[in-house]
Amino acid sequence: MSLPIIDMAPLFGGDEQAGDGVAAAIAQACEDDGFFYVVGHGVGAATLARLEAEARGFFVLPPAEKDAVSMARGGAAWRGWFPFRGELTSARPDDKEGFYFGEELGPDDPRVRARWPLHGANLWADATPGLRPAVIAFMAEARTAAATLMRGVSLALGLAPDYFAKAYLQHPTLLFRIFRYPPTAPGAWGVGEHTDYGLLTLLAQDDAGGLEVKSRSGWVDVPPLAGALVCNIGDMLERLTGGRFVSTPHRVVNRSNRDRLSFPFFYDPDFSADMTPVPGAYPSGPEAPRWDGASVHAFSGTYGEYLLAKVGKVFPDLKTAALSER
């Protein structure tokens, strides 16, 4: 099995007929395994190259310098660096270290004044000044790509192209990570089986490989493809479509003999948006058992409520400390 490759460039150009073809391809991919490559996404090769170089520079810093931007210093904004095996999947440490970022929000932003978790300022390492502009540039280009792709998702569901933008994305939750995966130890994983939480993830990765998707036929590799980003849909897009589109489990096992870097950008609903399904959403049949034993269709409430419940399991100690600030 190989993932479909979708050229999303027509979604930028306003060609209605070509856009319909992209929407049909998105619908097919999301109804199958919920993973596909995108090209024509508008994220520049130079932007990606600079991001990878700056990320490598950060990860080789001494632990004391990285600790200056540790997540414990990020407070309720949940930003900063965590050390190797400092994040959990299914209560088991992952073989990776990472750096969390999000939309850069100042103290006067209403969401920050309201002390919303996961909203606030990023932490930046003084020792790698080039990382800040590299992250900001990538996030800006990835945001445009994701917003455009969500127009295609709206069309794929037979909705107005701006349906998701108006209903769920007035102030999208924008989260970004950089991860370093050393070669995975026998019997371990870089990150264990999981699904993403929100609407769309756009993933850039280096050439080491290691991403695997749990397709209907079993676990399959998702190798890097030059010039392409990997796109997958999250739990809330499955819920909002009544299960028509599927949030597919995936994992990372770095079988190469070198570090793997990955750069997932999460384009998710407004923190306060109610997760009421779209018009015409329908159950696709009996819900298959999920990796975590949960049901996205049984959930009701805002995206923020869903996200906090999930993130708190990834960093349980941080959850207690950060939420105590509210």
C-alpha atoms as a PDB file:
ATOM      1  CA  MET A   1       0.000   0.000   0.000  1.00  0.00           C
ATOM      2  CA  SER A   2       1.149   3.554  -0.724  1.00  0.00           C
ATOM      3  CA  LEU A   3      -0.607   6.736   0.329  1.00  0.00           C
ATOM      4  CA  PRO A   4      -2.391   8.832  -2.288  1.00  0.00           C
ATOM      5  CA  ILE A   5      -0.667  12.021  -3.429  1.00  0.00           C
ATOM      6  CA  ILE A   6      -2.976  15.030  -3.715  1.00  0.00           C
ATOM      7  CA  ASP A   7      -1.955  18.213  -5.491  1.00  0.00           C
ATOM      8  CA  MET A   8      -3.768  20.916  -3.548  1.00  0.00           C
ATOM      9  CA  ALA A   9      -2.544  23.802  -5.728  1.00  0.00           C
ATOM     10  CA  PRO A  10      -5.961  24.241  -7.437  1.00  0.00           C
ATOM     11  CA  LEU A  11      -7.472  25.129  -4.065  1.00  0.00           C
ATOM     12  CA  PHE A  12      -5.308  28.261  -4.050  1.00  0.00           C
ATOM     13  CA  GLY A  13      -6.157  29.230  -7.612  1.00  0.00           C
ATOM     14  CA  GLY A  14      -9.928  29.588  -7.495  1.00  0.00           C
ATOM     15  CA  ASP A  15     -10.511  27.161 -10.376  1.00  0.00           C
ATOM     16  CA  GLU A  16     -13.866  25.730  -9.258  1.00  0.00           C
ATOM     17  CA  GLN A  17     -13.757  22.675 -11.507  1.00  0.00           C
ATOM     18  CA  ALA A  18     -10.194  21.790 -10.510  1.00  0.00           C
ATOM     19  CA  GLY A  19     -11.080  22.430  -6.864  1.00  0.00           C
ATOM     20  CA  ASP A  20     -13.922  19.918  -7.126  1.00  0.00           C
ATOM     21  CA  GLY A  21     -11.433  17.312  -8.321  1.00  0.00           C
ATOM     22  CA  VAL A  22      -9.178  17.985  -5.326  1.00  0.00           C
ATOM     23  CA  ALA A  23     -12.182  17.776  -2.996  1.00  0.00           C
ATOM     24  CA  ALA A  24     -13.133  14.379  -4.429  1.00  0.00           C
ATOM     25  CA  ALA A  25      -9.584  13.115  -3.884  1.00  0.00           C
ATOM     26  CA  ILE A  26      -9.626  14.406  -0.292  1.00  0.00           C
ATOM     27  CA  ALA A  27     -12.953  12.673   0.352  1.00  0.00           C
ATOM     28  CA  GLN A  28     -11.625   9.359  -0.960  1.00  0.00           C
ATOM     29  CA  ALA A  29      -8.432   9.579   1.106  1.00  0.00           C
ATOM     30  CA  CYS A  30     -10.261  10.568   4.296  1.00  0.00           C
ATOM     31  CA  GLU A  31     -12.829   7.807   3.910  1.00  0.00           C
ATOM     32  CA  ASP A  32     -10.090   5.216   3.365  1.00  0.00           C
ATOM     33  CA  ASP A  33      -7.220   5.545   5.836  1.00  0.00           C
ATOM     34  CA  GLY A  34      -7.252   9.235   6.724  1.00  0.00           C
ATOM     35  CA  PHE A  35      -3.647   9.738   5.556  1.00  0.00           C
ATOM     36  CA  PHE A  36      -2.319  11.214   2.323  1.00  0.00           C
ATOM     37  CA  TYR A  37       0.558  13.211   0.904  1.00  0.00           C
ATOM     38  CA  VAL A  38      -0.007  16.780  -0.266  1.00  0.00           C
ATOM     39  CA  VAL A  39       2.033  18.644  -2.841  1.00  0.00           C
ATOM     40  CA  GLY A  40       1.423  22.148  -4.162  1.00  0.00           C
ATOM     41  CA  HIS A  41       1.015  23.166  -0.508  1.00  0.00           C
ATOM     42  CA  GLY A  42       2.967  26.417  -0.642  1.00  0.00           C
ATOM     43  CA  VAL A  43       5.429  25.611   2.153  1.00  0.00           C
ATOM     44  CA  GLY A  44       8.776  26.547   0.670  1.00  0.00           C
ATOM     45  CA  ALA A  45      11.736  24.199   0.360  1.00  0.00           C
ATOM     46  CA  ALA A  46      13.987  26.901   1.809  1.00  0.00           C
ATOM     47  CA  THR A  47      11.655  27.289   4.787  1.00  0.00           C
ATOM     48  CA  LEU A  48      11.826  23.558   5.473  1.00  0.00           C
ATOM     49  CA  ALA A  49      15.605  23.379   5.056  1.00  0.00           C
ATOM     50  CA  ARG A  50      16.163  26.275   7.450  1.00  0.00           C
ATOM     51  CA  LEU A  51      13.813  24.729  10.010  1.00  0.00           C
ATOM     52  CA  GLU A  52      15.617  21.389   9.916  1.00  0.00           C
ATOM     53  CA  ALA A  53      19.046  23.015  10.267  1.00  0.00           C
ATOM     54  CA  GLU A  54      17.973  25.157  13.216  1.00  0.00           C
ATOM     55  CA  ALA A  55      16.251  22.220  14.920  1.00  0.00           C
ATOM     56  CA  ARG A  56      19.397  20.110  14.676  1.00  0.00           C
ATOM     57  CA  GLY A  57      21.351  22.979  16.189  1.00  0.00           C
ATOM     58  CA  PHE A  58      18.976  23.128  19.133  1.00  0.00           C
ATOM     59  CA  PHE A  59      18.983  19.415  19.892  1.00  0.00           C
ATOM     60  CA  VAL A  60      22.793  19.233  20.154  1.00  0.00           C
ATOM     61  CA  LEU A  61      22.837  21.890  22.890  1.00  0.00           C
ATOM     62  CA  PRO A  62      23.935  20.767  26.362  1.00  0.00           C
ATOM     63  CA  PRO A  63      21.000  19.726  28.562  1.00  0.00           C
ATOM     64  CA  ALA A  64      21.490  22.742  30.836  1.00  0.00           C
ATOM     65  CA  GLU A  65      20.924  25.128  27.923  1.00  0.00           C
ATOM     66  CA  LYS A  66      17.846  23.264  26.770  1.00  0.00           C
ATOM     67  CA  ASP A  67      16.533  23.233  30.317  1.00  0.00           C
ATOM     68  CA  ALA A  68      16.415  27.035  30.207  1.00  0.00           C
ATOM     69  CA  VAL A  69      13.378  26.622  27.919  1.00  0.00           C
ATOM     70  CA  SER A  70      11.875  23.537  29.566  1.00  0.00           C
ATOM     71  CA  MET A  71       8.117  23.052  29.527  1.00  0.00           C
ATOM     72  CA  ALA A  72       8.048  23.528  33.280  1.00  0.00           C
ATOM     73  CA  ARG A  73       8.889  27.184  32.561  1.00  0.00           C
ATOM     74  CA  GLY A  74       6.091  27.554  30.009  1.00  0.00           C
ATOM     75  CA  GLY A  75       3.274  27.413  32.529  1.00  0.00           C
ATOM     76  CA  ALA A  76      -0.289  27.046  31.322  1.00  0.00           C
ATOM     77  CA  ALA A  77       0.796  27.852  27.745  1.00  0.00           C
ATOM     78  CA  TRP A  78       2.371  24.379  27.603  1.00  0.00           C
ATOM     79  CA  ARG A  79       5.352  25.504  25.519  1.00  0.00           C
ATOM     80  CA  GLY A  80       9.010  24.529  25.627  1.00  0.00           C
ATOM     81  CA  TRP A  81      11.422  21.607  25.607  1.00  0.00           C
ATOM     82  CA  PHE A  82      10.971  18.177  27.156  1.00  0.00           C
ATOM     83  CA  PRO A  83      13.822  15.673  27.521  1.00  0.00           C
ATOM     84  CA  PHE A  84      14.206  12.207  26.060  1.00  0.00           C
ATOM     85  CA  ARG A  85      11.425   9.934  27.367  1.00  0.00           C
ATOM     86  CA  GLY A  86       9.683  12.949  28.894  1.00  0.00           C
ATOM     87  CA  GLU A  87       6.390  12.412  27.031  1.00  0.00           C
ATOM     88  CA  LEU A  88       4.001   9.495  27.444  1.00  0.00           C
ATOM     89  CA  THR A  89       1.809   7.505  25.065  1.00  0.00           C
ATOM     90  CA  SER A  90      -0.585   5.100  26.783  1.00  0.00           C
ATOM     91  CA  ALA A  91       1.272   5.796  30.060  1.00  0.00           C
ATOM     92  CA  ARG A  92       4.573   4.586  28.563  1.00  0.00           C
ATOM     93  CA  PRO A  93       7.503   6.927  27.810  1.00  0.00           C
ATOM     94  CA  ASP A  94       8.296   7.615  24.165  1.00  0.00           C
ATOM     95  CA  ASP A  95      11.855   7.346  22.827  1.00  0.00           C
ATOM     96  CA  LYS A  96      12.046  10.980  21.738  1.00  0.00           C
ATOM     97  CA  GLU A  97      12.686  14.507  22.912  1.00  0.00           C
ATOM     98  CA  GLY A  98      10.825  17.544  21.660  1.00  0.00           C
ATOM     99  CA  PHE A  99      10.079  21.242  21.664  1.00  0.00           C
ATOM    100  CA  TYR A 100       6.488  22.542  21.841  1.00  0.00           C
ATOM    101  CA  PHE A 101       5.345  25.749  20.161  1.00  0.00           C
ATOM    102  CA  GLY A 102       2.037  27.405  19.423  1.00  0.00           C
ATOM    103  CA  GLU A 103       0.514  30.584  18.117  1.00  0.00           C
ATOM    104  CA  GLU A 104       2.520  33.502  19.529  1.00  0.00           C
ATOM    105  CA  LEU A 105       0.070  35.388  21.757  1.00  0.00           C
ATOM    106  CA  GLY A 106       0.878  38.454  23.837  1.00  0.00           C
ATOM    107  CA  PRO A 107      -0.376  39.214  27.349  1.00  0.00           C
ATOM    108  CA  ASP A 108      -3.191  41.423  26.042  1.00  0.00           C
ATOM    109  CA  ASP A 109      -4.774  38.697  23.940  1.00  0.00           C
ATOM    110  CA  PRO A 110      -8.215  37.918  25.435  1.00  0.00           C
ATOM    111  CA  ARG A 111      -7.443  34.213  25.528  1.00  0.00           C
ATOM    112  CA  VAL A 112      -4.270  34.853  27.522  1.00  0.00           C
ATOM    113  CA  ARG A 113      -6.003  37.274  29.862  1.00  0.00           C
ATOM    114  CA  ALA A 114      -8.621  34.576  30.471  1.00  0.00           C
ATOM    115  CA  ARG A 115      -5.750  32.194  31.330  1.00  0.00           C
ATOM    116  CA  TRP A 116      -6.763  29.613  28.774  1.00  0.00           C
ATOM    117  CA  PRO A 117      -4.397  26.629  28.833  1.00  0.00           C
ATOM    118  CA  LEU A 118      -2.285  26.122  25.682  1.00  0.00           C
ATOM    119  CA  HIS A 119      -2.463  29.834  24.815  1.00  0.00           C
ATOM    120  CA  GLY A 120       0.371  32.287  25.367  1.00  0.00           C
ATOM    121  CA  ALA A 121       3.956  33.044  24.459  1.00  0.00           C
ATOM    122  CA  ASN A 122       6.557  30.623  23.134  1.00  0.00           C
ATOM    123  CA  LEU A 123       9.898  29.995  24.785  1.00  0.00           C
ATOM    124  CA  TRP A 124      13.005  30.656  22.686  1.00  0.00           C
ATOM    125  CA  ALA A 125      16.538  29.440  23.368  1.00  0.00           C
ATOM    126  CA  ASP A 126      19.137  32.214  23.434  1.00  0.00           C
ATOM    127  CA  ALA A 127      21.774  29.763  22.192  1.00  0.00           C
ATOM    128  CA  THR A 128      19.912  29.192  18.897  1.00  0.00           C
ATOM    129  CA  PRO A 129      18.568  32.613  17.839  1.00  0.00           C
ATOM    130  CA  GLY A 130      17.845  31.373  14.326  1.00  0.00           C
ATOM    131  CA  LEU A 131      15.250  28.904  15.545  1.00  0.00           C
ATOM    132  CA  ARG A 132      12.647  31.579  16.268  1.00  0.00           C
ATOM    133  CA  PRO A 133      12.407  33.023  12.736  1.00  0.00           C
ATOM    134  CA  ALA A 134      12.565  29.510  11.271  1.00  0.00           C
ATOM    135  CA  VAL A 135       9.633  28.302  13.389  1.00  0.00           C
ATOM    136  CA  ILE A 136       7.579  31.441  12.805  1.00  0.00           C
ATOM    137  CA  ALA A 137       8.085  31.242   9.028  1.00  0.00           C
ATOM    138  CA  PHE A 138       7.127  27.576   8.889  1.00  0.00           C
ATOM    139  CA  MET A 139       4.062  28.050  11.059  1.00  0.00           C
ATOM    140  CA  ALA A 140       2.838  30.938   8.910  1.00  0.00           C
ATOM    141  CA  GLU A 141       3.174  28.962   5.678  1.00  0.00           C
ATOM    142  CA  ALA A 142       1.737  25.789   7.209  1.00  0.00           C
ATOM    143  CA  ARG A 143      -1.225  27.755   8.583  1.00  0.00           C
ATOM    144  CA  THR A 144      -2.066  29.041   5.106  1.00  0.00           C
ATOM    145  CA  ALA A 145      -1.742  25.541   3.669  1.00  0.00           C
ATOM    146  CA  ALA A 146      -3.947  24.004   6.371  1.00  0.00           C
ATOM    147  CA  ALA A 147      -6.636  26.685   6.084  1.00  0.00           C
ATOM    148  CA  THR A 148      -6.711  26.159   2.327  1.00  0.00           C
ATOM    149  CA  LEU A 149      -6.875  22.398   2.753  1.00  0.00           C
ATOM    150  CA  MET A 150      -9.846  22.810   5.092  1.00  0.00           C
ATOM    151  CA  ARG A 151     -11.661  24.554   2.232  1.00  0.00           C
ATOM    152  CA  GLY A 152     -11.146  21.340   0.307  1.00  0.00           C
ATOM    153  CA  VAL A 153     -12.477  19.313   3.260  1.00  0.00           C
ATOM    154  CA  SER A 154     -15.613  21.490   3.335  1.00  0.00           C
ATOM    155  CA  LEU A 155     -16.138  20.897  -0.373  1.00  0.00           C
ATOM    156  CA  ALA A 156     -15.472  17.178   0.077  1.00  0.00           C
ATOM    157  CA  LEU A 157     -18.424  17.067   2.459  1.00  0.00           C
ATOM    158  CA  GLY A 158     -20.716  18.956   0.096  1.00  0.00           C
ATOM    159  CA  LEU A 159     -20.573  22.088   2.245  1.00  0.00           C
ATOM    160  CA  ALA A 160     -19.774  25.707   1.422  1.00  0.00           C
ATOM    161  CA  PRO A 161     -16.004  26.172   1.111  1.00  0.00           C
ATOM    162  CA  ASP A 162     -15.905  28.402   4.191  1.00  0.00           C
ATOM    163  CA  TYR A 163     -18.121  26.176   6.360  1.00  0.00           C
ATOM    164  CA  PHE A 164     -15.380  24.964   8.697  1.00  0.00           C
ATOM    165  CA  ALA A 165     -13.774  28.404   8.827  1.00  0.00           C
ATOM    166  CA  LYS A 166     -17.012  29.933  10.090  1.00  0.00           C
ATOM    167  CA  ALA A 167     -18.281  27.113  12.284  1.00  0.00           C
ATOM    168  CA  TYR A 168     -15.155  25.854  14.035  1.00  0.00           C
ATOM    169  CA  LEU A 169     -12.136  27.947  13.098  1.00  0.00           C
ATOM    170  CA  GLN A 170     -12.835  31.549  14.087  1.00  0.00           C
ATOM    171  CA  HIS A 171      -9.642  31.380  16.174  1.00  0.00           C
ATOM    172  CA  PRO A 172      -8.024  28.036  15.313  1.00  0.00           C
ATOM    173  CA  THR A 173      -5.863  26.290  17.869  1.00  0.00           C
ATOM    174  CA  LEU A 174      -2.408  26.252  16.279  1.00  0.00           C
ATOM    175  CA  LEU A 175       0.171  23.911  17.780  1.00  0.00           C
ATOM    176  CA  PHE A 176       3.568  22.915  16.415  1.00  0.00           C
ATOM    177  CA  ARG A 177       6.216  20.455  17.572  1.00  0.00           C
ATOM    178  CA  ILE A 178       9.752  19.545  16.624  1.00  0.00           C
ATOM    179  CA  PHE A 179      10.775  16.036  17.644  1.00  0.00           C
ATOM    180  CA  ARG A 180      14.083  14.184  17.669  1.00  0.00           C
ATOM    181  CA  TYR A 181      13.892  10.399  17.560  1.00  0.00           C
ATOM    182  CA  PRO A 182      17.158   8.526  18.144  1.00  0.00           C
ATOM    183  CA  PRO A 183      17.291   5.017  16.682  1.00  0.00           C
ATOM    184  CA  THR A 184      14.521   3.149  18.497  1.00  0.00           C
ATOM    185  CA  ALA A 185      15.657   0.530  21.007  1.00  0.00           C
ATOM    186  CA  PRO A 186      14.442  -3.065  20.519  1.00  0.00           C
ATOM    187  CA  GLY A 187      10.998  -3.505  22.022  1.00  0.00           C
ATOM    188  CA  ALA A 188      10.469   0.250  22.321  1.00  0.00           C
ATOM    189  CA  TRP A 189       8.863   2.900  20.129  1.00  0.00           C
ATOM    190  CA  GLY A 190       9.649   6.446  19.126  1.00  0.00           C
ATOM    191  CA  VAL A 191       6.019   7.261  19.759  1.00  0.00           C
ATOM    192  CA  GLY A 192       3.418   4.608  20.358  1.00  0.00           C
ATOM    193  CA  GLU A 193       0.138   3.969  18.601  1.00  0.00           C
ATOM    194  CA  HIS A 194      -2.089   7.045  18.806  1.00  0.00           C
ATOM    195  CA  THR A 195      -4.407   9.326  16.891  1.00  0.00           C
ATOM    196  CA  ASP A 196      -4.208  13.100  16.683  1.00  0.00           C
ATOM    197  CA  TYR A 197      -6.791  15.156  18.498  1.00  0.00           C
ATOM    198  CA  GLY A 198      -8.099  17.884  16.235  1.00  0.00           C
ATOM    199  CA  LEU A 199      -8.843  18.473  12.550  1.00  0.00           C
ATOM    200  CA  LEU A 200      -5.706  18.259  10.419  1.00  0.00           C
ATOM    201  CA  THR A 201      -2.033  17.551  10.925  1.00  0.00           C
ATOM    202  CA  LEU A 202       0.557  18.599   8.353  1.00  0.00           C
ATOM    203  CA  LEU A 203       3.837  16.777   8.856  1.00  0.00           C
ATOM    204  CA  ALA A 204       7.265  17.608   7.506  1.00  0.00           C
ATOM    205  CA  GLN A 205       9.949  14.992   8.139  1.00  0.00           C
ATOM    206  CA  ASP A 206      13.583  14.419   7.307  1.00  0.00           C
ATOM    207  CA  ASP A 207      14.772  11.500   5.187  1.00  0.00           C
ATOM    208  CA  ALA A 208      15.273   8.942   8.001  1.00  0.00           C
ATOM    209  CA  GLY A 209      11.790   7.428   7.785  1.00  0.00           C
ATOM    210  CA  GLY A 210       9.993   5.639  10.604  1.00  0.00           C
ATOM    211  CA  LEU A 211       6.370   6.825  10.432  1.00  0.00           C
ATOM    212  CA  GLU A 212       3.898   3.929  10.234  1.00  0.00           C
ATOM    213  CA  VAL A 213       0.118   4.005   9.696  1.00  0.00           C
ATOM    214  CA  LYS A 214      -2.346   1.352  10.826  1.00  0.00           C
ATOM    215  CA  SER A 215      -4.231   0.852   7.585  1.00  0.00           C
ATOM    216  CA  ARG A 216      -6.999  -1.651   7.033  1.00  0.00           C
ATOM    217  CA  SER A 217      -4.366  -4.107   5.820  1.00  0.00           C
ATOM    218  CA  GLY A 218      -2.053  -3.615   8.812  1.00  0.00           C
ATOM    219  CA  TRP A 219       0.880  -1.387   9.664  1.00  0.00           C
ATOM    220  CA  VAL A 220       2.456   0.276   6.612  1.00  0.00           C
ATOM    221  CA  ASP A 221       5.429   2.598   6.206  1.00  0.00           C
ATOM    222  CA  VAL A 222       4.947   6.248   5.240  1.00  0.00           C
ATOM    223  CA  PRO A 223       8.342   7.118   3.771  1.00  0.00           C
ATOM    224  CA  PRO A 224       9.404  10.719   3.180  1.00  0.00           C
ATOM    225  CA  LEU A 225       8.488  11.999  -0.279  1.00  0.00           C
ATOM    226  CA  ALA A 226      10.539  14.877  -1.652  1.00  0.00           C
ATOM    227  CA  GLY A 227       8.540  18.100  -1.773  1.00  0.00           C
ATOM    228  CA  ALA A 228       5.494  16.595  -0.040  1.00  0.00           C
ATOM    229  CA  LEU A 229       3.953  16.944   3.387  1.00  0.00           C
ATOM    230  CA  VAL A 230       2.039  14.133   5.054  1.00  0.00           C
ATOM    231  CA  CYS A 231      -1.528  15.039   6.006  1.00  0.00           C
ATOM    232  CA  ASN A 232      -3.709  13.118   8.404  1.00  0.00           C
ATOM    233  CA  ILE A 233      -7.027  13.894  10.021  1.00  0.00           C
ATOM    234  CA  GLY A 234      -7.709  13.965  13.740  1.00  0.00           C
ATOM    235  CA  ASP A 235     -10.313  12.760  16.188  1.00  0.00           C
ATOM    236  CA  MET A 236     -12.542  15.811  15.933  1.00  0.00           C
ATOM    237  CA  LEU A 237     -12.814  15.629  12.154  1.00  0.00           C
ATOM    238  CA  GLU A 238     -13.936  12.027  12.585  1.00  0.00           C
ATOM    239  CA  ARG A 239     -16.493  13.168  15.151  1.00  0.00           C
ATOM    240  CA  LEU A 240     -17.695  16.158  13.133  1.00  0.00           C
ATOM    241  CA  THR A 241     -18.288  13.939  10.097  1.00  0.00           C
ATOM    242  CA  GLY A 242     -20.099  11.237  12.060  1.00  0.00           C
ATOM    243  CA  GLY A 243     -17.352   8.751  11.279  1.00  0.00           C
ATOM    244  CA  ARG A 244     -17.420   9.255   7.507  1.00  0.00           C
ATOM    245  CA  PHE A 245     -13.796  10.444   7.722  1.00  0.00           C
ATOM    246  CA  VAL A 246     -11.530   8.369   9.948  1.00  0.00           C
ATOM    247  CA  SER A 247      -8.812   9.330  12.407  1.00  0.00           C
ATOM    248  CA  THR A 248      -6.244   6.603  11.837  1.00  0.00           C
ATOM    249  CA  PRO A 249      -3.726   5.339  14.427  1.00  0.00           C
ATOM    250  CA  HIS A 250      -0.062   5.828  13.652  1.00  0.00           C
ATOM    251  CA  ARG A 251       3.291   5.415  15.388  1.00  0.00           C
ATOM    252  CA  VAL A 252       7.013   5.989  14.911  1.00  0.00           C
ATOM    253  CA  VAL A 253       9.731   3.357  15.009  1.00  0.00           C
ATOM    254  CA  ASN A 254      13.075   4.783  13.897  1.00  0.00           C
ATOM    255  CA  ARG A 255      14.850   1.821  12.326  1.00  0.00           C
ATOM    256  CA  SER A 256      17.575   3.936  10.755  1.00  0.00           C
ATOM    257  CA  ASN A 257      21.025   4.300  12.279  1.00  0.00           C
ATOM    258  CA  ARG A 258      20.693   8.057  12.842  1.00  0.00           C
ATOM    259  CA  ASP A 259      18.420  10.595  14.479  1.00  0.00           C
ATOM    260  CA  ARG A 260      15.072  11.289  12.857  1.00  0.00           C
ATOM    261  CA  LEU A 261      13.543  14.773  12.960  1.00  0.00           C
ATOM    262  CA  SER A 262       9.857  15.430  12.421  1.00  0.00           C
ATOM    263  CA  PHE A 263       7.806  18.621  12.392  1.00  0.00           C
ATOM    264  CA  PRO A 264       4.046  18.136  12.957  1.00  0.00           C
ATOM    265  CA  PHE A 265       1.804  21.202  12.648  1.00  0.00           C
ATOM    266  CA  PHE A 266      -1.677  20.830  14.133  1.00  0.00           C
ATOM    267  CA  TYR A 267      -4.533  22.892  12.712  1.00  0.00           C
ATOM    268  CA  ASP A 268      -7.332  22.399  15.173  1.00  0.00           C
ATOM    269  CA  PRO A 269     -10.703  23.896  16.128  1.00  0.00           C
ATOM    270  CA  ASP A 270     -11.186  27.037  18.131  1.00  0.00           C
ATOM    271  CA  PHE A 271     -10.634  26.138  21.795  1.00  0.00           C
ATOM    272  CA  SER A 272     -14.175  27.304  22.625  1.00  0.00           C
ATOM    273  CA  ALA A 273     -15.927  25.772  19.585  1.00  0.00           C
ATOM    274  CA  ASP A 274     -18.641  23.246  20.347  1.00  0.00           C
ATOM    275  CA  MET A 275     -17.957  19.958  18.612  1.00  0.00           C
ATOM    276  CA  THR A 276     -21.411  19.554  17.067  1.00  0.00           C
ATOM    277  CA  PRO A 277     -21.256  17.457  13.860  1.00  0.00           C
ATOM    278  CA  VAL A 278     -21.669  19.060  10.442  1.00  0.00           C
ATOM    279  CA  PRO A 279     -25.024  19.004   8.643  1.00  0.00           C
ATOM    280  CA  GLY A 280     -25.661  15.623   7.078  1.00  0.00           C
ATOM    281  CA  ALA A 281     -23.058  13.822   9.206  1.00  0.00           C
ATOM    282  CA  TYR A 282     -23.930  10.188   9.487  1.00  0.00           C
ATOM    283  CA  PRO A 283     -22.604   7.157  11.333  1.00  0.00           C
ATOM    284  CA  SER A 284     -20.589   4.927   9.021  1.00  0.00           C
ATOM    285  CA  GLY A 285     -21.718   1.806  10.873  1.00  0.00           C
ATOM    286  CA  PRO A 286     -20.797   0.233  14.198  1.00  0.00           C
ATOM    287  CA  GLU A 287     -17.808   2.052  15.644  1.00  0.00           C
ATOM    288  CA  ALA A 288     -14.650  -0.032  15.474  1.00  0.00           C
ATOM    289  CA  PRO A 289     -12.713  -0.416  18.743  1.00  0.00           C
ATOM    290  CA  ARG A 290     -10.086   2.311  19.094  1.00  0.00           C
ATOM    291  CA  TRP A 291      -6.515   1.950  20.277  1.00  0.00           C
ATOM    292  CA  ASP A 292      -7.419   3.756  23.536  1.00  0.00           C
ATOM    293  CA  GLY A 293     -10.812   2.143  24.109  1.00  0.00           C
ATOM    294  CA  ALA A 294     -12.499   5.559  23.884  1.00  0.00           C
ATOM    295  CA  SER A 295     -15.204   6.865  21.552  1.00  0.00           C
ATOM    296  CA  VAL A 296     -14.903  10.228  19.829  1.00  0.00           C
ATOM    297  CA  HIS A 297     -18.620  10.065  19.062  1.00  0.00           C
ATOM    298  CA  ALA A 298     -19.580   9.778  22.716  1.00  0.00           C
ATOM    299  CA  PHE A 299     -17.840  13.068  23.495  1.00  0.00           C
ATOM    300  CA  SER A 300     -19.799  16.288  23.749  1.00  0.00           C
ATOM    301  CA  GLY A 301     -18.473  19.730  24.625  1.00  0.00           C
ATOM    302  CA  THR A 302     -15.863  22.147  23.355  1.00  0.00           C
ATOM    303  CA  TYR A 303     -12.637  21.294  21.628  1.00  0.00           C
ATOM    304  CA  GLY A 304     -10.721  22.757  24.558  1.00  0.00           C
ATOM    305  CA  GLU A 305     -12.330  20.278  26.922  1.00  0.00           C
ATOM    306  CA  TYR A 306     -11.400  17.372  24.669  1.00  0.00           C
ATOM    307  CA  LEU A 307      -7.844  18.613  24.132  1.00  0.00           C
ATOM    308  CA  LEU A 308      -7.069  19.217  27.796  1.00  0.00           C
ATOM    309  CA  ALA A 309      -8.258  15.745  28.740  1.00  0.00           C
ATOM    310  CA  LYS A 310      -5.912  14.248  26.139  1.00  0.00           C
ATOM    311  CA  VAL A 311      -2.850  16.438  26.738  1.00  0.00           C
ATOM    312  CA  GLY A 312      -3.091  15.924  30.477  1.00  0.00           C
ATOM    313  CA  LYS A 313      -2.413  12.219  29.945  1.00  0.00           C
ATOM    314  CA  VAL A 314       0.705  13.001  27.925  1.00  0.00           C
ATOM    315  CA  PHE A 315       2.226  15.275  30.593  1.00  0.00           C
ATOM    316  CA  PRO A 316       0.381  14.423  33.835  1.00  0.00           C
ATOM    317  CA  ASP A 317       2.742  16.334  36.149  1.00  0.00           C
ATOM    318  CA  LEU A 318       2.690  19.408  33.927  1.00  0.00           C
ATOM    319  CA  LYS A 319      -1.101  19.337  33.810  1.00  0.00           C
ATOM    320  CA  THR A 320      -1.324  19.604  37.572  1.00  0.00           C
ATOM    321  CA  ALA A 321       1.191  22.454  37.732  1.00  0.00           C
ATOM    322  CA  ALA A 322      -0.128  24.411  34.752  1.00  0.00           C
ATOM    323  CA  LEU A 323      -3.805  24.207  35.573  1.00  0.00           C
ATOM    324  CA  SER A 324      -3.151  25.259  39.163  1.00  0.00           C
ATOM    325  CA  GLU A 325      -2.215  28.689  37.754  1.00  0.00           C
ATOM    326  CA  ARG A 326      -5.738  29.338  36.528  1.00  0.00           C
END
